[in-house]
């Protein structure tokens, strides 16, 4: 087993939100996590959209060539932490797996929980991220936070892409600070 935490980011087509989540977390959590992404209805054969690349680049994030992957139950099972873009993605996982696993959270939900949850234990950033799901789950059981969705920017105006990228940066930053990764 790798010492790195395994983090999976999920959206619908794996061409807008989850690639941005994926490559931002991979950059910010380098050395602590192996980050991947997948879609519930992956647009296989495509790449991340030019609009999400532009919005990300405007904030200093380069999204490399990306190959969309179809989400499977095996991907979810292998991850230490799964962050989904919307409640529909959580429902898809729940349907495929006969219930929602304890390590699956909405990205915005996890960021909200991180504002009040005890920091995950461990001596290294990787250990903090591996313990993140348990710490988030404990806080969710103490005081539930709703799973608030990231809007889907697909085929929308540039302002929508910019707003969604802003939401992703804000949430990943909150998780990075809380988990003491950065």
Protein backbone atom coordinates (compact mmCIF):
# COMPACT_ATOMS: atom_id res chain seq x y z
CA UNK A 1 0.00 0.00 0.00
CA UNK A 2 1.22 3.47 -0.84
CA UNK A 3 1.88 5.87 1.99
CA UNK A 4 -0.10 8.48 0.07
CA UNK A 5 -3.78 9.06 0.77
CA UNK A 6 -6.05 8.07 -2.11
CA UNK A 7 -8.53 10.83 -2.98
CA UNK A 8 -11.16 10.54 -5.71
CA UNK A 9 -13.03 13.52 -7.21
CA UNK A 10 -16.37 12.89 -8.93
CA UNK A 11 -18.66 14.80 -11.28
CA UNK A 12 -20.84 13.82 -14.23
CA UNK A 13 -18.75 13.85 -17.42
CA UNK A 14 -15.28 14.14 -15.83
CA UNK A 15 -14.52 17.06 -18.17
CA UNK A 16 -15.27 20.18 -16.06
CA UNK A 17 -15.66 20.10 -12.28
CA UNK A 18 -13.86 16.90 -11.28
CA UNK A 19 -10.76 17.56 -13.42
CA UNK A 20 -10.47 21.02 -11.83
CA UNK A 21 -10.94 19.47 -8.36
CA UNK A 22 -8.47 16.70 -9.26
CA UNK A 23 -5.61 18.83 -10.54
CA UNK A 24 -5.99 21.53 -7.87
CA UNK A 25 -5.90 18.95 -5.07
CA UNK A 26 -3.05 17.08 -6.78
CA UNK A 27 -1.05 20.31 -6.88
CA UNK A 28 -1.91 21.45 -3.35
CA UNK A 29 -1.65 18.00 -1.78
CA UNK A 30 1.45 16.85 -3.68
CA UNK A 31 3.46 14.39 -1.63
CA UNK A 32 0.44 13.61 0.56
CA UNK A 33 -2.18 12.27 -1.82
CA UNK A 34 -2.67 10.37 -5.02
CA UNK A 35 -5.61 12.24 -6.52
CA UNK A 36 -7.77 10.92 -9.36
CA UNK A 37 -11.14 11.76 -10.85
CA UNK A 38 -14.01 10.04 -12.61
CA UNK A 39 -17.51 10.73 -13.87
CA UNK A 40 -20.83 9.03 -13.30
CA UNK A 41 -21.43 9.41 -17.06
CA UNK A 42 -17.88 10.01 -18.25
CA UNK A 43 -17.34 11.66 -21.60
CA UNK A 44 -14.72 9.11 -22.60
CA UNK A 45 -12.59 10.12 -25.53
CA UNK A 46 -12.87 13.80 -24.69
CA UNK A 47 -10.59 16.07 -22.65
CA UNK A 48 -11.18 18.74 -20.03
CA UNK A 49 -13.11 21.58 -21.65
CA UNK A 50 -11.33 24.70 -22.92
CA UNK A 51 -13.54 26.85 -20.68
CA UNK A 52 -12.59 25.02 -17.47
CA UNK A 53 -8.94 25.20 -18.54
CA UNK A 54 -9.23 28.96 -19.08
CA UNK A 55 -10.93 29.56 -15.73
CA UNK A 56 -8.35 27.40 -13.96
CA UNK A 57 -5.45 29.10 -15.76
CA UNK A 58 -6.80 32.51 -14.71
CA UNK A 59 -6.22 31.34 -11.12
CA UNK A 60 -2.80 29.86 -11.80
CA UNK A 61 -3.82 26.21 -12.23
CA UNK A 62 -2.76 24.35 -15.36
CA UNK A 63 -4.95 21.37 -16.24
CA UNK A 64 -2.87 18.91 -18.26
CA UNK A 65 -4.20 16.58 -20.95
CA UNK A 66 -7.00 14.71 -19.24
CA UNK A 67 -8.61 11.39 -20.08
CA UNK A 68 -12.12 11.11 -18.59
CA UNK A 69 -12.71 7.91 -16.65
CA UNK A 70 -16.02 6.18 -15.91
CA UNK A 71 -16.70 5.92 -12.17
CA UNK A 72 -16.94 2.39 -10.79
CA UNK A 73 -17.66 0.98 -7.37
CA UNK A 74 -14.07 -0.32 -7.32
CA UNK A 75 -12.72 3.25 -7.68
CA UNK A 76 -14.86 4.36 -4.75
CA UNK A 77 -13.82 1.38 -2.62
CA UNK A 78 -10.10 2.00 -3.17
CA UNK A 79 -10.25 5.65 -2.12
CA UNK A 80 -9.66 6.95 1.40
CA UNK A 81 -11.78 10.02 0.63
CA UNK A 82 -14.29 10.63 -2.17
CA UNK A 83 -15.44 14.18 -2.91
CA UNK A 84 -18.43 14.58 -5.22
CA UNK A 85 -19.69 17.68 -6.99
CA UNK A 86 -23.43 17.13 -6.36
CA UNK A 87 -26.01 15.16 -4.47
CA UNK A 88 -26.82 13.30 -7.72
CA UNK A 89 -23.28 11.91 -7.73
CA UNK A 90 -23.65 10.75 -4.14
CA UNK A 91 -26.95 9.06 -5.09
CA UNK A 92 -25.25 7.33 -8.04
CA UNK A 93 -22.56 5.96 -5.72
CA UNK A 94 -25.18 4.90 -3.16
CA UNK A 95 -27.15 3.09 -5.85
CA UNK A 96 -24.08 1.29 -7.20
CA UNK A 97 -22.80 0.32 -3.76
CA UNK A 98 -26.03 -0.47 -1.90
CA UNK A 99 -25.65 2.57 0.35
CA UNK A 100 -23.44 5.62 0.65
CA UNK A 101 -20.01 4.73 2.01
CA UNK A 102 -18.83 6.70 5.04
CA UNK A 103 -15.91 8.20 3.12
CA UNK A 104 -18.05 9.99 0.48
CA UNK A 105 -18.83 13.69 0.89
CA UNK A 106 -19.78 16.61 -1.27
CA UNK A 107 -16.82 18.91 -1.87
CA UNK A 108 -18.65 21.93 -0.45
CA UNK A 109 -20.09 19.80 2.36
CA UNK A 110 -16.61 18.59 3.35
CA UNK A 111 -15.31 22.17 3.35
CA UNK A 112 -18.20 23.28 5.60
CA UNK A 113 -17.60 20.37 7.98
CA UNK A 114 -13.86 21.14 8.03
CA UNK A 115 -14.59 24.62 9.41
CA UNK A 116 -15.79 23.07 12.66
CA UNK A 117 -14.44 19.49 12.76
CA UNK A 118 -11.47 18.39 14.79
CA UNK A 119 -8.42 18.13 12.57
CA UNK A 120 -7.57 14.59 11.49
CA UNK A 121 -4.81 12.91 13.44
CA UNK A 122 -1.48 11.66 12.24
CA UNK A 123 2.11 12.75 11.97
CA UNK A 124 2.27 13.44 8.23
CA UNK A 125 0.14 15.24 5.68
CA UNK A 126 -0.67 11.87 4.07
CA UNK A 127 -1.86 10.51 7.43
CA UNK A 128 -4.00 13.62 7.92
CA UNK A 129 -5.68 13.07 4.55
CA UNK A 130 -6.13 9.34 5.18
CA UNK A 131 -7.90 10.27 8.43
CA UNK A 132 -9.95 13.08 6.90
CA UNK A 133 -13.03 10.97 6.11
CA UNK A 134 -13.30 9.69 9.69
CA UNK A 135 -12.97 13.21 11.12
CA UNK A 136 -15.52 14.59 8.64
CA UNK A 137 -17.90 11.72 9.38
CA UNK A 138 -17.65 12.30 13.15
CA UNK A 139 -18.55 15.96 12.64
CA UNK A 140 -21.36 15.06 10.22
CA UNK A 141 -22.84 12.75 12.85
CA UNK A 142 -22.48 15.43 15.55
CA UNK A 143 -24.02 18.23 13.48
CA UNK A 144 -25.05 17.34 9.92
CA UNK A 145 -24.10 19.59 7.02
CA UNK A 146 -26.13 19.43 3.81
CA UNK A 147 -24.53 18.26 0.59
CA UNK A 148 -24.52 21.54 -1.36
CA UNK A 149 -23.89 21.10 -5.07
CA UNK A 150 -21.35 22.72 -7.32
CA UNK A 151 -23.17 24.09 -10.36
CA UNK A 152 -22.47 22.31 -13.62
CA UNK A 153 -20.83 24.88 -15.91
CA UNK A 154 -21.04 22.67 -19.04
CA UNK A 155 -22.05 24.76 -22.08
CA UNK A 156 -22.69 27.84 -19.95
CA UNK A 157 -21.18 31.31 -19.99
CA UNK A 158 -17.58 32.05 -18.91
CA UNK A 159 -18.82 33.70 -15.72
CA UNK A 160 -20.35 30.40 -14.60
CA UNK A 161 -17.05 28.59 -15.16
CA UNK A 162 -15.24 31.32 -13.20
CA UNK A 163 -17.71 31.08 -10.31
CA UNK A 164 -17.48 27.28 -10.18
CA UNK A 165 -13.65 27.41 -10.24
CA UNK A 166 -13.85 29.93 -7.39
CA UNK A 167 -16.05 27.52 -5.39
CA UNK A 168 -13.59 24.67 -6.04
CA UNK A 169 -10.57 26.76 -4.99
CA UNK A 170 -12.36 27.90 -1.82
CA UNK A 171 -13.36 24.37 -0.81
CA UNK A 172 -9.98 22.77 -1.53
CA UNK A 173 -8.25 25.59 0.35
CA UNK A 174 -10.49 25.04 3.40
CA UNK A 175 -9.73 21.31 3.35
CA UNK A 176 -6.00 21.93 2.86
CA UNK A 177 -5.84 24.25 5.88
CA UNK A 178 -7.97 21.99 8.07
CA UNK A 179 -6.08 18.80 7.21
CA UNK A 180 -2.74 20.60 7.64
CA UNK A 181 -1.59 19.52 4.19
CA UNK A 182 -0.24 22.78 2.74
